[in-house]
Amino acid sequence: MREFLHAYPLLAVLVYAAGGILILAAAYFVIDRLTPGHLSKTIFEEKNTAAAMVVSAALVGVAIIIASSIVG
């Protein structure tokens, strides 16, 4: 195996990425439960831009928390 290719850092990146995506998906379902109505239906079928902005802002906030907990 080449010197610059190590399995441990690549495995760590994949595990942290998968964990972050799973936590972000769980956060979406929590946000969906906390808001009235069904967000997926409101966003995709009714084309409600305001609902999409609320969800995206919440998910960006959760993503910042996840990223800072992984890095630091």
C-alpha atoms as a PDB file:
ATOM      1  CA  MET A   1       0.000   0.000   0.000  1.00  0.00           C
ATOM      2  CA  ARG A   2       1.219   3.466  -0.735  1.00  0.00           C
ATOM      3  CA  GLU A   3       2.489   5.648   2.049  1.00  0.00           C
ATOM      4  CA  PHE A   4      -0.072   8.459   1.597  1.00  0.00           C
ATOM      5  CA  LEU A   5      -3.103   6.149   1.527  1.00  0.00           C
ATOM      6  CA  HIS A   6      -4.176   5.146   4.999  1.00  0.00           C
ATOM      7  CA  ALA A   7      -7.427   3.380   5.801  1.00  0.00           C
ATOM      8  CA  TYR A   8      -8.035   4.888   9.244  1.00  0.00           C
ATOM      9  CA  PRO A   9      -8.574   8.553   8.216  1.00  0.00           C
ATOM     10  CA  LEU A  10     -10.802   7.505   5.320  1.00  0.00           C
ATOM     11  CA  LEU A  11     -12.845   5.270   7.600  1.00  0.00           C
ATOM     12  CA  ALA A  12     -13.135   8.064  10.162  1.00  0.00           C
ATOM     13  CA  VAL A  13     -14.404  10.484   7.524  1.00  0.00           C
ATOM     14  CA  LEU A  14     -17.013   7.997   6.329  1.00  0.00           C
ATOM     15  CA  VAL A  15     -18.203   7.224   9.865  1.00  0.00           C
ATOM     16  CA  TYR A  16     -18.458  10.895  10.850  1.00  0.00           C
ATOM     17  CA  ALA A  17     -20.210  11.789   7.589  1.00  0.00           C
ATOM     18  CA  ALA A  18     -22.738   8.971   7.969  1.00  0.00           C
ATOM     19  CA  GLY A  19     -23.330   9.877  11.603  1.00  0.00           C
ATOM     20  CA  GLY A  20     -23.833  13.542  10.747  1.00  0.00           C
ATOM     21  CA  ILE A  21     -26.293  12.723   7.988  1.00  0.00           C
ATOM     22  CA  LEU A  22     -28.271  10.416  10.283  1.00  0.00           C
ATOM     23  CA  ILE A  23     -28.420  13.063  13.016  1.00  0.00           C
ATOM     24  CA  LEU A  24     -29.491  15.689  10.481  1.00  0.00           C
ATOM     25  CA  ALA A  25     -32.247  13.395   9.179  1.00  0.00           C
ATOM     26  CA  ALA A  26     -33.424  12.778  12.740  1.00  0.00           C
ATOM     27  CA  ALA A  27     -33.461  16.542  13.321  1.00  0.00           C
ATOM     28  CA  TYR A  28     -35.685  16.982  10.264  1.00  0.00           C
ATOM     29  CA  PHE A  29     -38.207  14.521  11.687  1.00  0.00           C
ATOM     30  CA  VAL A  30     -38.138  16.303  15.054  1.00  0.00           C
ATOM     31  CA  ILE A  31     -38.713  19.648  13.331  1.00  0.00           C
ATOM     32  CA  ASP A  32     -41.534  18.061  11.322  1.00  0.00           C
ATOM     33  CA  ARG A  33     -43.180  16.845  14.541  1.00  0.00           C
ATOM     34  CA  LEU A  34     -42.819  20.214  16.288  1.00  0.00           C
ATOM     35  CA  THR A  35     -44.428  22.224  13.496  1.00  0.00           C
ATOM     36  CA  PRO A  36     -48.129  22.055  12.666  1.00  0.00           C
ATOM     37  CA  GLY A  37     -49.044  20.045   9.562  1.00  0.00           C
ATOM     38  CA  HIS A  38     -46.744  17.934   7.424  1.00  0.00           C
ATOM     39  CA  LEU A  39     -43.671  19.815   6.226  1.00  0.00           C
ATOM     40  CA  SER A  40     -43.001  17.610   3.213  1.00  0.00           C
ATOM     41  CA  LYS A  41     -46.523  18.107   1.929  1.00  0.00           C
ATOM     42  CA  THR A  42     -46.426  21.824   2.682  1.00  0.00           C
ATOM     43  CA  ILE A  43     -43.093  22.359   0.965  1.00  0.00           C
ATOM     44  CA  PHE A  44     -43.344  20.087  -2.075  1.00  0.00           C
ATOM     45  CA  GLU A  45     -47.047  19.943  -2.896  1.00  0.00           C
ATOM     46  CA  GLU A  46     -48.210  23.372  -1.748  1.00  0.00           C
ATOM     47  CA  LYS A  47     -44.904  25.081  -2.742  1.00  0.00           C
ATOM     48  CA  ASN A  48     -44.738  27.046   0.514  1.00  0.00           C
ATOM     49  CA  THR A  49     -41.442  28.932   0.416  1.00  0.00           C
ATOM     50  CA  ALA A  50     -41.736  30.212   3.983  1.00  0.00           C
ATOM     51  CA  ALA A  51     -41.976  26.678   5.380  1.00  0.00           C
ATOM     52  CA  ALA A  52     -38.928  25.657   3.352  1.00  0.00           C
ATOM     53  CA  MET A  53     -36.984  28.612   4.731  1.00  0.00           C
ATOM     54  CA  VAL A  54     -37.911  27.733   8.321  1.00  0.00           C
ATOM     55  CA  VAL A  55     -36.808  24.127   7.838  1.00  0.00           C
ATOM     56  CA  SER A  56     -33.590  25.117   6.077  1.00  0.00           C
ATOM     57  CA  ALA A  57     -32.687  27.608   8.815  1.00  0.00           C
ATOM     58  CA  ALA A  58     -33.292  25.003  11.505  1.00  0.00           C
ATOM     59  CA  LEU A  59     -31.262  22.383   9.652  1.00  0.00           C
ATOM     60  CA  VAL A  60     -28.373  24.802   9.097  1.00  0.00           C
ATOM     61  CA  GLY A  61     -28.357  25.490  12.828  1.00  0.00           C
ATOM     62  CA  VAL A  62     -28.308  21.772  13.613  1.00  0.00           C
ATOM     63  CA  ALA A  63     -25.574  21.214  11.007  1.00  0.00           C
ATOM     64  CA  ILE A  64     -23.409  23.872  12.644  1.00  0.00           C
ATOM     65  CA  ILE A  65     -23.843  22.158  16.007  1.00  0.00           C
ATOM     66  CA  ILE A  66     -22.995  18.745  14.510  1.00  0.00           C
ATOM     67  CA  ALA A  67     -19.918  20.098  12.724  1.00  0.00           C
ATOM     68  CA  SER A  68     -18.616  21.861  15.817  1.00  0.00           C
ATOM     69  CA  SER A  69     -19.103  18.761  17.944  1.00  0.00           C
ATOM     70  CA  ILE A  70     -17.169  16.635  15.450  1.00  0.00           C
ATOM     71  CA  VAL A  71     -14.300  19.087  15.011  1.00  0.00           C
ATOM     72  CA  GLY A  72     -13.863  20.312  18.515  1.00  0.00           C
END
